[in-house]
Amino acid sequence: MFNRLYCGTLLNAANVSGMTDPRPTTVAPRPAAVEIDGAKLRELRQMAGVTLGEFASTCEISVQYLSQIERGDRRRVSPPVYARICRSLKLTGPRQRRTLLKAAA
């Protein structure tokens, strides 16, 4: 038999048999988000002569999501979305890709 104090409650073999493990579980880390300059994205998209809908389709994201990014309502995107945006704008080199990154204030 064991006795353990957990959150003010004395636990023993009799009252823990149906309980799950009270210890917190670890959560897998999410990939870091990329902070993107929405105004620059809009400028590059318009210079390319592509509509919001066409560009969203090419990037495999919704028009609403792309619009939120361009307006600055969403400042961070996942690395895969960032890569698709860069590929759609034909930003291939590392220096070119950095043009979309938000400058640190």
PDB file of N, CA and C in Angstrom:
ATOM      1  N   MET A   1       0.832  -1.184   0.000  1.00  0.00           N
ATOM      2  CA  MET A   1       0.000   0.000   0.000  1.00  0.00           C
ATOM      3  C   MET A   1       0.876   1.246   0.000  1.00  0.00           C
ATOM      4  N   PHE A   2       0.355   2.284  -0.605  1.00  0.00           N
ATOM      5  CA  PHE A   2       1.082   3.545  -0.604  1.00  0.00           C
ATOM      6  C   PHE A   2       0.137   4.665  -0.194  1.00  0.00           C
ATOM      7  N   ASN A   3       0.681   5.713   0.312  1.00  0.00           N
ATOM      8  CA  ASN A   3      -0.063   6.928   0.625  1.00  0.00           C
ATOM      9  C   ASN A   3       0.710   8.099   0.041  1.00  0.00           C
ATOM     10  N   ARG A   4       0.009   8.973  -0.642  1.00  0.00           N
ATOM     11  CA  ARG A   4       0.670  10.127  -1.242  1.00  0.00           C
ATOM     12  C   ARG A   4      -0.289  11.313  -1.137  1.00  0.00           C
ATOM     13  N   LEU A   5       0.249  12.479  -0.810  1.00  0.00           N
ATOM     14  CA  LEU A   5      -0.552  13.680  -0.735  1.00  0.00           C
ATOM     15  C   LEU A   5      -0.501  14.368  -2.095  1.00  0.00           C
ATOM     16  N   TYR A   6      -1.662  14.557  -2.714  1.00  0.00           N
ATOM     17  CA  TYR A   6      -1.730  15.198  -4.024  1.00  0.00           C
ATOM     18  C   TYR A   6      -2.793  16.284  -3.970  1.00  0.00           C
ATOM     19  N   CYS A   7      -2.386  17.529  -4.166  1.00  0.00           N
ATOM     20  CA  CYS A   7      -3.310  18.670  -4.143  1.00  0.00           C
ATOM     21  C   CYS A   7      -4.193  18.649  -2.901  1.00  0.00           C
ATOM     22  N   GLY A   8      -3.612  18.366  -1.762  1.00  0.00           N
ATOM     23  CA  GLY A   8      -4.358  18.385  -0.519  1.00  0.00           C
ATOM     24  C   GLY A   8      -5.174  17.141  -0.259  1.00  0.00           C
ATOM     25  N   THR A   9      -5.150  16.167  -1.146  1.00  0.00           N
ATOM     26  CA  THR A   9      -5.924  14.939  -0.990  1.00  0.00           C
ATOM     27  C   THR A   9      -4.968  13.783  -0.755  1.00  0.00           C
ATOM     28  N   LEU A  10      -5.261  12.996   0.252  1.00  0.00           N
ATOM     29  CA  LEU A  10      -4.433  11.827   0.527  1.00  0.00           C
ATOM     30  C   LEU A  10      -4.849  10.714  -0.420  1.00  0.00           C
ATOM     31  N   LEU A  11      -3.919  10.283  -1.232  1.00  0.00           N
ATOM     32  CA  LEU A  11      -4.202   9.212  -2.190  1.00  0.00           C
ATOM     33  C   LEU A  11      -3.631   7.908  -1.650  1.00  0.00           C
ATOM     34  N   ASN A  12      -4.378   6.857  -1.825  1.00  0.00           N
ATOM     35  CA  ASN A  12      -3.873   5.533  -1.500  1.00  0.00           C
ATOM     36  C   ASN A  12      -4.395   4.553  -2.538  1.00  0.00           C
ATOM     37  N   ALA A  13      -3.979   3.327  -2.455  1.00  0.00           N
ATOM     38  CA  ALA A  13      -4.333   2.334  -3.468  1.00  0.00           C
ATOM     39  C   ALA A  13      -5.841   2.161  -3.583  1.00  0.00           C
ATOM     40  N   ALA A  14      -6.569   2.366  -2.527  1.00  0.00           N
ATOM     41  CA  ALA A  14      -8.013   2.153  -2.559  1.00  0.00           C
ATOM     42  C   ALA A  14      -8.739   3.232  -3.354  1.00  0.00           C
ATOM     43  N   ASN A  15      -8.324   4.495  -3.237  1.00  0.00           N
ATOM     44  CA  ASN A  15      -9.071   5.544  -3.928  1.00  0.00           C
ATOM     45  C   ASN A  15      -8.445   6.009  -5.241  1.00  0.00           C
ATOM     46  N   VAL A  16      -7.383   5.370  -5.680  1.00  0.00           N
ATOM     47  CA  VAL A  16      -6.770   5.733  -6.950  1.00  0.00           C
ATOM     48  C   VAL A  16      -6.942   4.679  -8.027  1.00  0.00           C
ATOM     49  N   SER A  17      -7.567   3.585  -7.721  1.00  0.00           N
ATOM     50  CA  SER A  17      -7.623   2.487  -8.684  1.00  0.00           C
ATOM     51  C   SER A  17      -8.285   2.896  -9.997  1.00  0.00           C
ATOM     52  N   GLY A  18      -9.288   3.754  -9.973  1.00  0.00           N
ATOM     53  CA  GLY A  18      -9.960   4.146 -11.210  1.00  0.00           C
ATOM     54  C   GLY A  18      -9.468   5.463 -11.776  1.00  0.00           C
ATOM     55  N   MET A  19      -8.526   6.093 -11.101  1.00  0.00           N
ATOM     56  CA  MET A  19      -8.049   7.410 -11.551  1.00  0.00           C
ATOM     57  C   MET A  19      -6.934   7.273 -12.581  1.00  0.00           C
ATOM     58  N   THR A  20      -6.811   8.290 -13.389  1.00  0.00           N
ATOM     59  CA  THR A  20      -5.682   8.335 -14.310  1.00  0.00           C
ATOM     60  C   THR A  20      -4.496   8.956 -13.591  1.00  0.00           C
ATOM     61  N   ASP A  21      -3.370   8.899 -14.191  1.00  0.00           N
ATOM     62  CA  ASP A  21      -2.160   9.448 -13.607  1.00  0.00           C
ATOM     63  C   ASP A  21      -2.325  10.958 -13.401  1.00  0.00           C
ATOM     64  N   PRO A  22      -2.182  11.473 -12.178  1.00  0.00           N
ATOM     65  CA  PRO A  22      -2.410  12.891 -11.923  1.00  0.00           C
ATOM     66  C   PRO A  22      -1.289  13.803 -12.403  1.00  0.00           C
ATOM     67  N   ARG A  23      -0.179  13.245 -12.824  1.00  0.00           N
ATOM     68  CA  ARG A  23       0.932  14.074 -13.291  1.00  0.00           C
ATOM     69  C   ARG A  23       0.607  14.665 -14.655  1.00  0.00           C
ATOM     70  N   PRO A  24       1.045  15.886 -14.905  1.00  0.00           N
ATOM     71  CA  PRO A  24       0.761  16.504 -16.211  1.00  0.00           C
ATOM     72  C   PRO A  24       1.477  15.764 -17.333  1.00  0.00           C
ATOM     73  N   THR A  25       0.844  15.725 -18.476  1.00  0.00           N
ATOM     74  CA  THR A  25       1.459  15.078 -19.631  1.00  0.00           C
ATOM     75  C   THR A  25       2.259  16.110 -20.405  1.00  0.00           C
ATOM     76  N   THR A  26       3.228  15.645 -21.126  1.00  0.00           N
ATOM     77  CA  THR A  26       4.019  16.562 -21.935  1.00  0.00           C
ATOM     78  C   THR A  26       3.314  16.797 -23.260  1.00  0.00           C
ATOM     79  N   VAL A  27       3.435  17.992 -23.770  1.00  0.00           N
ATOM     80  CA  VAL A  27       2.810  18.367 -25.029  1.00  0.00           C
ATOM     81  C   VAL A  27       3.914  18.541 -26.061  1.00  0.00           C
ATOM     82  N   ALA A  28       3.687  17.982 -27.224  1.00  0.00           N
ATOM     83  CA  ALA A  28       4.686  18.085 -28.284  1.00  0.00           C
ATOM     84  C   ALA A  28       4.823  19.547 -28.705  1.00  0.00           C
ATOM     85  N   PRO A  29       6.042  20.038 -28.876  1.00  0.00           N
ATOM     86  CA  PRO A  29       6.231  21.432 -29.276  1.00  0.00           C
ATOM     87  C   PRO A  29       5.738  21.681 -30.691  1.00  0.00           C
ATOM     88  N   ARG A  30       5.109  22.831 -30.888  1.00  0.00           N
ATOM     89  CA  ARG A  30       4.660  23.216 -32.221  1.00  0.00           C
ATOM     90  C   ARG A  30       5.803  23.909 -32.940  1.00  0.00           C
ATOM     91  N   PRO A  31       5.837  23.812 -34.266  1.00  0.00           N
ATOM     92  CA  PRO A  31       6.907  24.506 -34.985  1.00  0.00           C
ATOM     93  C   PRO A  31       6.781  26.006 -34.776  1.00  0.00           C
ATOM     94  N   ALA A  32       7.903  26.674 -34.732  1.00  0.00           N
ATOM     95  CA  ALA A  32       7.915  28.120 -34.520  1.00  0.00           C
ATOM     96  C   ALA A  32       7.212  28.823 -35.675  1.00  0.00           C
ATOM     97  N   ALA A  33       6.493  29.865 -35.336  1.00  0.00           N
ATOM     98  CA  ALA A  33       5.792  30.636 -36.360  1.00  0.00           C
ATOM     99  C   ALA A  33       6.744  31.669 -36.951  1.00  0.00           C
ATOM    100  N   VAL A  34       6.438  32.104 -38.145  1.00  0.00           N
ATOM    101  CA  VAL A  34       7.253  33.088 -38.848  1.00  0.00           C
ATOM    102  C   VAL A  34       6.477  34.398 -38.868  1.00  0.00           C
ATOM    103  N   GLU A  35       7.099  35.470 -38.401  1.00  0.00           N
ATOM    104  CA  GLU A  35       6.440  36.775 -38.429  1.00  0.00           C
ATOM    105  C   GLU A  35       6.627  37.374 -39.811  1.00  0.00           C
ATOM    106  N   ILE A  36       5.513  37.726 -40.432  1.00  0.00           N
ATOM    107  CA  ILE A  36       5.521  38.140 -41.834  1.00  0.00           C
ATOM    108  C   ILE A  36       4.994  39.568 -41.959  1.00  0.00           C
ATOM    109  N   ASP A  37       5.514  40.314 -42.923  1.00  0.00           N
ATOM    110  CA  ASP A  37       5.091  41.689 -43.191  1.00  0.00           C
ATOM    111  C   ASP A  37       3.939  41.655 -44.194  1.00  0.00           C
ATOM    112  N   GLY A  38       2.727  41.818 -43.688  1.00  0.00           N
ATOM    113  CA  GLY A  38       1.535  41.720 -44.529  1.00  0.00           C
ATOM    114  C   GLY A  38       1.469  42.786 -45.608  1.00  0.00           C
ATOM    115  N   ALA A  39       1.893  44.022 -45.281  1.00  0.00           N
ATOM    116  CA  ALA A  39       1.870  45.106 -46.265  1.00  0.00           C
ATOM    117  C   ALA A  39       2.824  44.803 -47.423  1.00  0.00           C
ATOM    118  N   LYS A  40       3.976  44.257 -47.099  1.00  0.00           N
ATOM    119  CA  LYS A  40       4.953  43.896 -48.135  1.00  0.00           C
ATOM    120  C   LYS A  40       4.413  42.754 -48.990  1.00  0.00           C
ATOM    121  N   LEU A  41       3.751  41.800 -48.351  1.00  0.00           N
ATOM    122  CA  LEU A  41       3.149  40.690 -49.084  1.00  0.00           C
ATOM    123  C   LEU A  41       2.108  41.217 -50.075  1.00  0.00           C
ATOM    124  N   ARG A  42       1.233  42.117 -49.615  1.00  0.00           N
ATOM    125  CA  ARG A  42       0.209  42.692 -50.490  1.00  0.00           C
ATOM    126  C   ARG A  42       0.874  43.432 -51.665  1.00  0.00           C
ATOM    127  N   GLU A  43       1.908  44.197 -51.369  1.00  0.00           N
ATOM    128  CA  GLU A  43       2.612  44.948 -52.417  1.00  0.00           C
ATOM    129  C   GLU A  43       3.207  44.007 -53.465  1.00  0.00           C
ATOM    130  N   LEU A  44       3.869  42.952 -53.022  1.00  0.00           N
ATOM    131  CA  LEU A  44       4.484  42.005 -53.958  1.00  0.00           C
ATOM    132  C   LEU A  44       3.428  41.260 -54.774  1.00  0.00           C
ATOM    133  N   ARG A  45       2.327  40.900 -54.124  1.00  0.00           N
ATOM    134  CA  ARG A  45       1.240  40.204 -54.830  1.00  0.00           C
ATOM    135  C   ARG A  45       0.631  41.099 -55.901  1.00  0.00           C
ATOM    136  N   GLN A  46       0.393  42.368 -55.566  1.00  0.00           N
ATOM    137  CA  GLN A  46      -0.198  43.300 -56.525  1.00  0.00           C
ATOM    138  C   GLN A  46       0.768  43.601 -57.668  1.00  0.00           C
ATOM    139  N   MET A  47       2.059  43.690 -57.353  1.00  0.00           N
ATOM    140  CA  MET A  47       3.064  43.915 -58.414  1.00  0.00           C
ATOM    141  C   MET A  47       3.098  42.737 -59.379  1.00  0.00           C
ATOM    142  N   ALA A  48       2.820  41.553 -58.873  1.00  0.00           N
ATOM    143  CA  ALA A  48       2.795  40.366 -59.725  1.00  0.00           C
ATOM    144  C   ALA A  48       1.506  40.296 -60.542  1.00  0.00           C
ATOM    145  N   GLY A  49       0.540  41.165 -60.226  1.00  0.00           N
ATOM    146  CA  GLY A  49      -0.707  41.203 -60.968  1.00  0.00           C
ATOM    147  C   GLY A  49      -1.638  40.039 -60.669  1.00  0.00           C
ATOM    148  N   VAL A  50      -1.595  39.561 -59.444  1.00  0.00           N
ATOM    149  CA  VAL A  50      -2.395  38.404 -59.059  1.00  0.00           C
ATOM    150  C   VAL A  50      -3.470  38.861 -58.076  1.00  0.00           C
ATOM    151  N   THR A  51      -4.700  38.375 -58.265  1.00  0.00           N
ATOM    152  CA  THR A  51      -5.783  38.726 -57.344  1.00  0.00           C
ATOM    153  C   THR A  51      -5.633  37.964 -56.034  1.00  0.00           C
ATOM    154  N   LEU A  52      -6.344  38.448 -55.033  1.00  0.00           N
ATOM    155  CA  LEU A  52      -6.312  37.808 -53.722  1.00  0.00           C
ATOM    156  C   LEU A  52      -6.751  36.347 -53.819  1.00  0.00           C
ATOM    157  N   GLY A  53      -7.837  36.096 -54.550  1.00  0.00           N
ATOM    158  CA  GLY A  53      -8.349  34.735 -54.699  1.00  0.00           C
ATOM    159  C   GLY A  53      -7.384  33.811 -55.420  1.00  0.00           C
ATOM    160  N   GLU A  54      -6.789  34.297 -56.489  1.00  0.00           N
ATOM    161  CA  GLU A  54      -5.827  33.480 -57.242  1.00  0.00           C
ATOM    162  C   GLU A  54      -4.610  33.145 -56.386  1.00  0.00           C
ATOM    163  N   PHE A  55      -4.129  34.155 -55.669  1.00  0.00           N
ATOM    164  CA  PHE A  55      -2.937  33.943 -54.854  1.00  0.00           C
ATOM    165  C   PHE A  55      -3.219  32.977 -53.703  1.00  0.00           C
ATOM    166  N   ALA A  56      -4.379  33.144 -53.065  1.00  0.00           N
ATOM    167  CA  ALA A  56      -4.751  32.239 -51.973  1.00  0.00           C
ATOM    168  C   ALA A  56      -4.828  30.801 -52.473  1.00  0.00           C
ATOM    169  N   SER A  57      -5.397  30.621 -53.652  1.00  0.00           N
ATOM    170  CA  SER A  57      -5.504  29.288 -54.232  1.00  0.00           C
ATOM    171  C   SER A  57      -4.118  28.692 -54.503  1.00  0.00           C
ATOM    172  N   THR A  58      -3.232  29.508 -55.042  1.00  0.00           N
ATOM    173  CA  THR A  58      -1.870  29.052 -55.327  1.00  0.00           C
ATOM    174  C   THR A  58      -1.136  28.653 -54.045  1.00  0.00           C
ATOM    175  N   CYS A  59      -1.386  29.421 -52.965  1.00  0.00           N
ATOM    176  CA  CYS A  59      -0.718  29.155 -51.690  1.00  0.00           C
ATOM    177  C   CYS A  59      -1.408  28.067 -50.869  1.00  0.00           C
ATOM    178  N   GLU A  60      -2.566  27.591 -51.366  1.00  0.00           N
ATOM    179  CA  GLU A  60      -3.344  26.570 -50.675  1.00  0.00           C
ATOM    180  C   GLU A  60      -3.801  27.033 -49.298  1.00  0.00           C
ATOM    181  N   ILE A  61      -4.252  28.309 -49.231  1.00  0.00           N
ATOM    182  CA  ILE A  61      -4.841  28.857 -48.013  1.00  0.00           C
ATOM    183  C   ILE A  61      -6.139  29.556 -48.401  1.00  0.00           C
ATOM    184  N   SER A  62      -6.963  29.860 -47.433  1.00  0.00           N
ATOM    185  CA  SER A  62      -8.234  30.514 -47.740  1.00  0.00           C
ATOM    186  C   SER A  62      -8.018  31.999 -48.028  1.00  0.00           C
ATOM    187  N   VAL A  63      -8.961  32.575 -48.765  1.00  0.00           N
ATOM    188  CA  VAL A  63      -8.909  34.001 -49.081  1.00  0.00           C
ATOM    189  C   VAL A  63      -8.981  34.812 -47.783  1.00  0.00           C
ATOM    190  N   GLN A  64      -9.820  34.370 -46.854  1.00  0.00           N
ATOM    191  CA  GLN A  64      -9.958  35.073 -45.583  1.00  0.00           C
ATOM    192  C   GLN A  64      -8.641  35.089 -44.811  1.00  0.00           C
ATOM    193  N   TYR A  65      -7.962  33.961 -44.788  1.00  0.00           N
ATOM    194  CA  TYR A  65      -6.683  33.860 -44.076  1.00  0.00           C
ATOM    195  C   TYR A  65      -5.642  34.771 -44.720  1.00  0.00           C
ATOM    196  N   LEU A  66      -5.562  34.751 -46.035  1.00  0.00           N
ATOM    197  CA  LEU A  66      -4.612  35.611 -46.743  1.00  0.00           C
ATOM    198  C   LEU A  66      -4.928  37.078 -46.493  1.00  0.00           C
ATOM    199  N   SER A  67      -6.195  37.431 -46.516  1.00  0.00           N
ATOM    200  CA  SER A  67      -6.607  38.806 -46.260  1.00  0.00           C
ATOM    201  C   SER A  67      -6.204  39.247 -44.855  1.00  0.00           C
ATOM    202  N   GLN A  68      -6.369  38.363 -43.877  1.00  0.00           N
ATOM    203  CA  GLN A  68      -5.977  38.679 -42.502  1.00  0.00           C
ATOM    204  C   GLN A  68      -4.464  38.903 -42.408  1.00  0.00           C
ATOM    205  N   ILE A  69      -3.700  38.111 -43.132  1.00  0.00           N
ATOM    206  CA  ILE A  69      -2.242  38.271 -43.135  1.00  0.00           C
ATOM    207  C   ILE A  69      -1.875  39.624 -43.741  1.00  0.00           C
ATOM    208  N   GLU A  70      -2.452  39.950 -44.886  1.00  0.00           N
ATOM    209  CA  GLU A  70      -2.123  41.194 -45.570  1.00  0.00           C
ATOM    210  C   GLU A  70      -2.523  42.423 -44.752  1.00  0.00           C
ATOM    211  N   ARG A  71      -3.646  42.362 -44.054  1.00  0.00           N
ATOM    212  CA  ARG A  71      -4.099  43.493 -43.230  1.00  0.00           C
ATOM    213  C   ARG A  71      -3.300  43.629 -41.946  1.00  0.00           C
ATOM    214  N   GLY A  72      -2.573  42.588 -41.574  1.00  0.00           N
ATOM    215  CA  GLY A  72      -1.806  42.618 -40.334  1.00  0.00           C
ATOM    216  C   GLY A  72      -2.576  42.076 -39.143  1.00  0.00           C
ATOM    217  N   ASP A  73      -3.779  41.540 -39.379  1.00  0.00           N
ATOM    218  CA  ASP A  73      -4.549  40.928 -38.301  1.00  0.00           C
ATOM    219  C   ASP A  73      -3.880  39.643 -37.825  1.00  0.00           C
ATOM    220  N   ARG A  74      -3.223  38.967 -38.739  1.00  0.00           N
ATOM    221  CA  ARG A  74      -2.416  37.780 -38.408  1.00  0.00           C
ATOM    222  C   ARG A  74      -0.996  38.107 -38.802  1.00  0.00           C
ATOM    223  N   ARG A  75      -0.136  38.183 -37.810  1.00  0.00           N
ATOM    224  CA  ARG A  75       1.252  38.549 -38.086  1.00  0.00           C
ATOM    225  C   ARG A  75       2.165  37.346 -38.213  1.00  0.00           C
ATOM    226  N   ARG A  76       1.709  36.211 -37.722  1.00  0.00           N
ATOM    227  CA  ARG A  76       2.548  35.004 -37.751  1.00  0.00           C
ATOM    228  C   ARG A  76       1.870  33.915 -38.562  1.00  0.00           C
ATOM    229  N   VAL A  77       2.683  33.219 -39.334  1.00  0.00           N
ATOM    230  CA  VAL A  77       2.204  32.080 -40.120  1.00  0.00           C
ATOM    231  C   VAL A  77       3.116  30.899 -39.845  1.00  0.00           C
ATOM    232  N   SER A  78       2.633  29.717 -40.133  1.00  0.00           N
ATOM    233  CA  SER A  78       3.449  28.524 -39.922  1.00  0.00           C
ATOM    234  C   SER A  78       4.533  28.461 -41.001  1.00  0.00           C
ATOM    235  N   PRO A  79       5.637  27.787 -40.711  1.00  0.00           N
ATOM    236  CA  PRO A  79       6.699  27.660 -41.720  1.00  0.00           C
ATOM    237  C   PRO A  79       6.223  27.071 -43.056  1.00  0.00           C
ATOM    238  N   PRO A  80       5.331  26.058 -43.066  1.00  0.00           N
ATOM    239  CA  PRO A  80       4.876  25.554 -44.373  1.00  0.00           C
ATOM    240  C   PRO A  80       4.085  26.594 -45.169  1.00  0.00           C
ATOM    241  N   VAL A  81       3.257  27.405 -44.489  1.00  0.00           N
ATOM    242  CA  VAL A  81       2.502  28.453 -45.188  1.00  0.00           C
ATOM    243  C   VAL A  81       3.469  29.503 -45.727  1.00  0.00           C
ATOM    244  N   TYR A  82       4.457  29.881 -44.921  1.00  0.00           N
ATOM    245  CA  TYR A  82       5.475  30.847 -45.363  1.00  0.00           C
ATOM    246  C   TYR A  82       6.203  30.334 -46.602  1.00  0.00           C
ATOM    247  N   ALA A  83       6.556  29.071 -46.601  1.00  0.00           N
ATOM    248  CA  ALA A  83       7.257  28.489 -47.753  1.00  0.00           C
ATOM    249  C   ALA A  83       6.376  28.521 -49.002  1.00  0.00           C
ATOM    250  N   ARG A  84       5.078  28.220 -48.868  1.00  0.00           N
ATOM    251  CA  ARG A  84       4.172  28.256 -50.028  1.00  0.00           C
ATOM    252  C   ARG A  84       3.983  29.677 -50.547  1.00  0.00           C
ATOM    253  N   ILE A  85       3.930  30.661 -49.635  1.00  0.00           N
ATOM    254  CA  ILE A  85       3.811  32.054 -50.056  1.00  0.00           C
ATOM    255  C   ILE A  85       5.052  32.465 -50.836  1.00  0.00           C
ATOM    256  N   CYS A  86       6.219  32.143 -50.305  1.00  0.00           N
ATOM    257  CA  CYS A  86       7.475  32.485 -50.996  1.00  0.00           C
ATOM    258  C   CYS A  86       7.563  31.801 -52.355  1.00  0.00           C
ATOM    259  N   ARG A  87       7.178  30.553 -52.417  1.00  0.00           N
ATOM    260  CA  ARG A  87       7.220  29.814 -53.678  1.00  0.00           C
ATOM    261  C   ARG A  87       6.267  30.446 -54.695  1.00  0.00           C
ATOM    262  N   SER A  88       5.081  30.860 -54.234  1.00  0.00           N
ATOM    263  CA  SER A  88       4.104  31.477 -55.134  1.00  0.00           C
ATOM    264  C   SER A  88       4.579  32.827 -55.660  1.00  0.00           C
ATOM    265  N   LEU A  89       5.354  33.543 -54.845  1.00  0.00           N
ATOM    266  CA  LEU A  89       5.904  34.835 -55.270  1.00  0.00           C
ATOM    267  C   LEU A  89       7.238  34.678 -56.003  1.00  0.00           C
ATOM    268  N   LYS A  90       7.669  33.420 -56.141  1.00  0.00           N
ATOM    269  CA  LYS A  90       8.951  33.102 -56.781  1.00  0.00           C
ATOM    270  C   LYS A  90      10.128  33.741 -56.045  1.00  0.00           C
ATOM    271  N   LEU A  91      10.043  33.751 -54.724  1.00  0.00           N
ATOM    272  CA  LEU A  91      11.141  34.213 -53.879  1.00  0.00           C
ATOM    273  C   LEU A  91      11.956  32.976 -53.521  1.00  0.00           C
ATOM    274  N   THR A  92      13.001  32.730 -54.284  1.00  0.00           N
ATOM    275  CA  THR A  92      13.715  31.467 -54.145  1.00  0.00           C
ATOM    276  C   THR A  92      14.923  31.534 -53.220  1.00  0.00           C
ATOM    277  N   GLY A  93      15.674  32.583 -53.281  1.00  0.00           N
ATOM    278  CA  GLY A  93      16.883  32.670 -52.465  1.00  0.00           C
ATOM    279  C   GLY A  93      16.598  33.146 -51.054  1.00  0.00           C
ATOM    280  N   PRO A  94      17.519  32.863 -50.134  1.00  0.00           N
ATOM    281  CA  PRO A  94      17.335  33.273 -48.740  1.00  0.00           C
ATOM    282  C   PRO A  94      17.171  34.788 -48.588  1.00  0.00           C
ATOM    283  N   ARG A  95      17.924  35.551 -49.359  1.00  0.00           N
ATOM    284  CA  ARG A  95      17.808  37.012 -49.264  1.00  0.00           C
ATOM    285  C   ARG A  95      16.454  37.475 -49.762  1.00  0.00           C
ATOM    286  N   GLN A  96      15.969  36.854 -50.817  1.00  0.00           N
ATOM    287  CA  GLN A  96      14.658  37.227 -51.348  1.00  0.00           C
ATOM    288  C   GLN A  96      13.557  36.867 -50.348  1.00  0.00           C
ATOM    289  N   ARG A  97      13.676  35.704 -49.742  1.00  0.00           N
ATOM    290  CA  ARG A  97      12.664  35.267 -48.771  1.00  0.00           C
ATOM    291  C   ARG A  97      12.598  36.193 -47.571  1.00  0.00           C
ATOM    292  N   ARG A  98      13.744  36.757 -47.192  1.00  0.00           N
ATOM    293  CA  ARG A  98      13.771  37.636 -46.029  1.00  0.00           C
ATOM    294  C   ARG A  98      12.990  38.933 -46.259  1.00  0.00           C
ATOM    295  N   THR A  99      12.700  39.290 -47.512  1.00  0.00           N
ATOM    296  CA  THR A  99      11.960  40.519 -47.767  1.00  0.00           C
ATOM    297  C   THR A  99      10.568  40.488 -47.154  1.00  0.00           C
ATOM    298  N   LEU A 100      10.017  39.296 -46.952  1.00  0.00           N
ATOM    299  CA  LEU A 100       8.689  39.178 -46.357  1.00  0.00           C
ATOM    300  C   LEU A 100       8.697  39.163 -44.833  1.00  0.00           C
ATOM    301  N   LEU A 101       9.857  38.983 -44.242  1.00  0.00           N
ATOM    302  CA  LEU A 101       9.914  38.898 -42.789  1.00  0.00           C
ATOM    303  C   LEU A 101       9.711  40.268 -42.166  1.00  0.00           C
ATOM    304  N   LYS A 102       9.013  40.299 -41.067  1.00  0.00           N
ATOM    305  CA  LYS A 102       8.767  41.543 -40.350  1.00  0.00           C
ATOM    306  C   LYS A 102      10.057  41.977 -39.683  1.00  0.00           C
ATOM    307  N   ALA A 103      10.433  43.233 -39.912  1.00  0.00           N
ATOM    308  CA  ALA A 103      11.658  43.758 -39.299  1.00  0.00           C
ATOM    309  C   ALA A 103      11.437  43.953 -37.804  1.00  0.00           C
ATOM    310  N   ALA A 104      12.458  43.642 -37.020  1.00  0.00           N
ATOM    311  CA  ALA A 104      12.350  43.826 -35.578  1.00  0.00           C
ATOM    312  C   ALA A 104      12.306  45.313 -35.254  1.00  0.00           C
ATOM    313  N   ALA A 105      11.417  45.666 -34.339  1.00  0.00           N
ATOM    314  CA  ALA A 105      11.253  47.075 -33.988  1.00  0.00           C
ATOM    315  C   ALA A 105      12.328  47.526 -33.017  1.00  0.00           C
TER     316      ALA A 105
END
